[in-house]
C-alpha atoms as a PDB file:
ATOM      1  CA  UNK A   1       0.000   0.000   0.000  1.00  0.00           C
ATOM      2  CA  UNK A   2       2.949   2.343   0.450  1.00  0.00           C
ATOM      3  CA  UNK A   3       3.087   3.047  -3.290  1.00  0.00           C
ATOM      4  CA  UNK A   4      -0.640   3.718  -3.780  1.00  0.00           C
ATOM      5  CA  UNK A   5      -0.533   7.527  -3.791  1.00  0.00           C
ATOM      6  CA  UNK A   6       2.452   7.670  -6.151  1.00  0.00           C
ATOM      7  CA  UNK A   7       0.846   5.078  -8.437  1.00  0.00           C
ATOM      8  CA  UNK A   8      -2.408   7.041  -8.630  1.00  0.00           C
ATOM      9  CA  UNK A   9      -0.476  10.217  -9.395  1.00  0.00           C
ATOM     10  CA  UNK A  10       1.428   8.502 -12.213  1.00  0.00           C
ATOM     11  CA  UNK A  11      -1.775   6.979 -13.619  1.00  0.00           C
ATOM     12  CA  UNK A  12      -3.406  10.421 -13.522  1.00  0.00           C
ATOM     13  CA  UNK A  13      -0.434  11.963 -15.333  1.00  0.00           C
ATOM     14  CA  UNK A  14      -0.699   9.235 -17.972  1.00  0.00           C
ATOM     15  CA  UNK A  15      -4.389  10.088 -18.417  1.00  0.00           C
ATOM     16  CA  UNK A  16      -3.461  13.765 -18.802  1.00  0.00           C
ATOM     17  CA  UNK A  17      -0.949  12.675 -21.428  1.00  0.00           C
ATOM     18  CA  UNK A  18      -3.647  10.765 -23.331  1.00  0.00           C
ATOM     19  CA  UNK A  19      -5.929  13.811 -23.312  1.00  0.00           C
ATOM     20  CA  UNK A  20      -3.009  15.970 -24.408  1.00  0.00           C
ATOM     21  CA  UNK A  21      -2.164  13.545 -27.222  1.00  0.00           C
ATOM     22  CA  UNK A  22      -5.774  13.275 -28.407  1.00  0.00           C
ATOM     23  CA  UNK A  23      -6.498  17.018 -28.519  1.00  0.00           C
ATOM     24  CA  UNK A  24      -2.927  18.400 -28.801  1.00  0.00           C
ATOM     25  CA  UNK A  25      -3.309  20.579 -25.713  1.00  0.00           C
ATOM     26  CA  UNK A  26       0.129  21.164 -24.173  1.00  0.00           C
ATOM     27  CA  UNK A  27       3.187  18.977 -24.771  1.00  0.00           C
ATOM     28  CA  UNK A  28       1.811  17.612 -28.037  1.00  0.00           C
ATOM     29  CA  UNK A  29       1.116  21.133 -29.278  1.00  0.00           C
ATOM     30  CA  UNK A  30       4.341  22.905 -28.238  1.00  0.00           C
ATOM     31  CA  UNK A  31       6.688  20.682 -26.221  1.00  0.00           C
ATOM     32  CA  UNK A  32       9.437  23.247 -25.505  1.00  0.00           C
ATOM     33  CA  UNK A  33       6.958  25.823 -24.206  1.00  0.00           C
ATOM     34  CA  UNK A  34       5.033  23.251 -22.146  1.00  0.00           C
ATOM     35  CA  UNK A  35       8.291  21.916 -20.700  1.00  0.00           C
ATOM     36  CA  UNK A  36       9.497  25.386 -19.726  1.00  0.00           C
ATOM     37  CA  UNK A  37       6.138  26.305 -18.219  1.00  0.00           C
ATOM     38  CA  UNK A  38       5.778  23.088 -16.224  1.00  0.00           C
ATOM     39  CA  UNK A  39       9.397  23.190 -14.980  1.00  0.00           C
ATOM     40  CA  UNK A  40       9.020  26.817 -13.935  1.00  0.00           C
ATOM     41  CA  UNK A  41       5.717  26.237 -12.161  1.00  0.00           C
ATOM     42  CA  UNK A  42       6.950  23.136 -10.331  1.00  0.00           C
ATOM     43  CA  UNK A  43      10.036  25.106  -9.227  1.00  0.00           C
ATOM     44  CA  UNK A  44       7.859  27.967  -7.960  1.00  0.00           C
ATOM     45  CA  UNK A  45       5.545  25.564  -6.142  1.00  0.00           C
ATOM     46  CA  UNK A  46       8.550  23.820  -4.545  1.00  0.00           C
ATOM     47  CA  UNK A  47       9.843  27.214  -3.417  1.00  0.00           C
ATOM     48  CA  UNK A  48       6.419  27.895  -1.944  1.00  0.00           C
ATOM     49  CA  UNK A  49       6.572  24.521  -0.179  1.00  0.00           C
ATOM     50  CA  UNK A  50      10.086  25.265   1.133  1.00  0.00           C
ATOM     51  CA  UNK A  51       8.876  28.559   2.598  1.00  0.00           C
ATOM     52  CA  UNK A  52       5.886  26.827   4.161  1.00  0.00           C
ATOM     53  CA  UNK A  53       8.104  24.107   5.625  1.00  0.00           C
ATOM     54  CA  UNK A  54      10.593  26.692   6.951  1.00  0.00           C
ATOM     55  CA  UNK A  55       7.817  28.610   8.725  1.00  0.00           C
ATOM     56  CA  UNK A  56       6.270  25.434  10.119  1.00  0.00           C
ATOM     57  CA  UNK A  57       3.082  25.873   8.111  1.00  0.00           C
ATOM     58  CA  UNK A  58       3.562  22.758   5.965  1.00  0.00           C
ATOM     59  CA  UNK A  59       4.587  19.387   7.327  1.00  0.00           C
ATOM     60  CA  UNK A  60       4.608  15.857   6.046  1.00  0.00           C
ATOM     61  CA  UNK A  61       1.676  13.870   7.299  1.00  0.00           C
ATOM     62  CA  UNK A  62       1.908  10.205   8.098  1.00  0.00           C
ATOM     63  CA  UNK A  63       0.085   7.913   5.691  1.00  0.00           C
ATOM     64  CA  UNK A  64       0.372   4.222   4.831  1.00  0.00           C
ATOM     65  CA  UNK A  65      -0.274   5.143   1.179  1.00  0.00           C
ATOM     66  CA  UNK A  66       2.922   7.174   0.725  1.00  0.00           C
ATOM     67  CA  UNK A  67       6.386   5.795  -0.010  1.00  0.00           C
ATOM     68  CA  UNK A  68       7.991   7.367   3.045  1.00  0.00           C
ATOM     69  CA  UNK A  69      10.844   8.717   0.918  1.00  0.00           C
ATOM     70  CA  UNK A  70      11.697  12.332   1.703  1.00  0.00           C
ATOM     71  CA  UNK A  71      13.583  14.538  -0.756  1.00  0.00           C
ATOM     72  CA  UNK A  72      14.198  17.037   2.044  1.00  0.00           C
ATOM     73  CA  UNK A  73      12.899  17.293   5.598  1.00  0.00           C
ATOM     74  CA  UNK A  74       9.074  17.366   5.420  1.00  0.00           C
ATOM     75  CA  UNK A  75       9.122  17.113   1.594  1.00  0.00           C
ATOM     76  CA  UNK A  76       7.894  13.704   0.406  1.00  0.00           C
ATOM     77  CA  UNK A  77       8.795  12.198  -2.953  1.00  0.00           C
ATOM     78  CA  UNK A  78       5.195  12.473  -4.067  1.00  0.00           C
ATOM     79  CA  UNK A  79       5.106  16.280  -3.745  1.00  0.00           C
ATOM     80  CA  UNK A  80       6.924  17.260  -6.965  1.00  0.00           C
ATOM     81  CA  UNK A  81       4.990  14.546  -8.828  1.00  0.00           C
ATOM     82  CA  UNK A  82       1.720  16.008  -7.541  1.00  0.00           C
ATOM     83  CA  UNK A  83       2.859  19.526  -8.425  1.00  0.00           C
ATOM     84  CA  UNK A  84       3.651  18.410 -11.977  1.00  0.00           C
ATOM     85  CA  UNK A  85       0.227  16.755 -12.226  1.00  0.00           C
ATOM     86  CA  UNK A  86      -1.439  19.946 -10.987  1.00  0.00           C
ATOM     87  CA  UNK A  87       0.466  22.019 -13.532  1.00  0.00           C
ATOM     88  CA  UNK A  88      -0.210  19.593 -16.401  1.00  0.00           C
ATOM     89  CA  UNK A  89      -3.918  19.481 -15.566  1.00  0.00           C
ATOM     90  CA  UNK A  90      -4.080  23.271 -15.532  1.00  0.00           C
ATOM     91  CA  UNK A  91      -2.233  23.557 -18.857  1.00  0.00           C
ATOM     92  CA  UNK A  92      -4.595  21.024 -20.445  1.00  0.00           C
ATOM     93  CA  UNK A  93      -7.730  22.695 -19.069  1.00  0.00           C
ATOM     94  CA  UNK A  94      -6.594  26.195 -20.058  1.00  0.00           C
ATOM     95  CA  UNK A  95      -5.632  25.054 -23.555  1.00  0.00           C
ATOM     96  CA  UNK A  96      -8.924  23.209 -24.009  1.00  0.00           C
ATOM     97  CA  UNK A  97     -10.924  26.227 -22.801  1.00  0.00           C
ATOM     98  CA  UNK A  98      -8.967  28.503 -25.130  1.00  0.00           C
ATOM     99  CA  UNK A  99      -9.523  26.170 -28.082  1.00  0.00           C
ATOM    100  CA  UNK A 100     -13.208  25.826 -27.284  1.00  0.00           C
ATOM    101  CA  UNK A 101     -13.660  29.588 -27.022  1.00  0.00           C
ATOM    102  CA  UNK A 102     -11.841  30.150 -30.312  1.00  0.00           C
ATOM    103  CA  UNK A 103     -13.264  27.358 -32.457  1.00  0.00           C
ATOM    104  CA  UNK A 104     -16.397  26.313 -30.621  1.00  0.00           C
ATOM    105  CA  UNK A 105     -15.010  22.824 -29.948  1.00  0.00           C
ATOM    106  CA  UNK A 106     -11.886  21.046 -28.731  1.00  0.00           C
END
């Protein structure tokens, strides 16, 4: 069970990739731009997390569904994976909304 959360995150990212592939939303439309945007956003979110951890606002909870691997104190392995998923989902939704507004369909 200790890999469940990470597995669900990876499955969700794969589903985002399928949607992206089907409708050419982010990486399949402009890979360099999507890569730069996702890397920048994940870096900003990790900085946000670091500030929250430093102030004692954020802390790693205990769960049997997480790997238990920490990249830094109070920063679990799953966090950057989740942040990438969040960014990818947002890029896909924004691109789909933009395409729908411009053409009337995705």
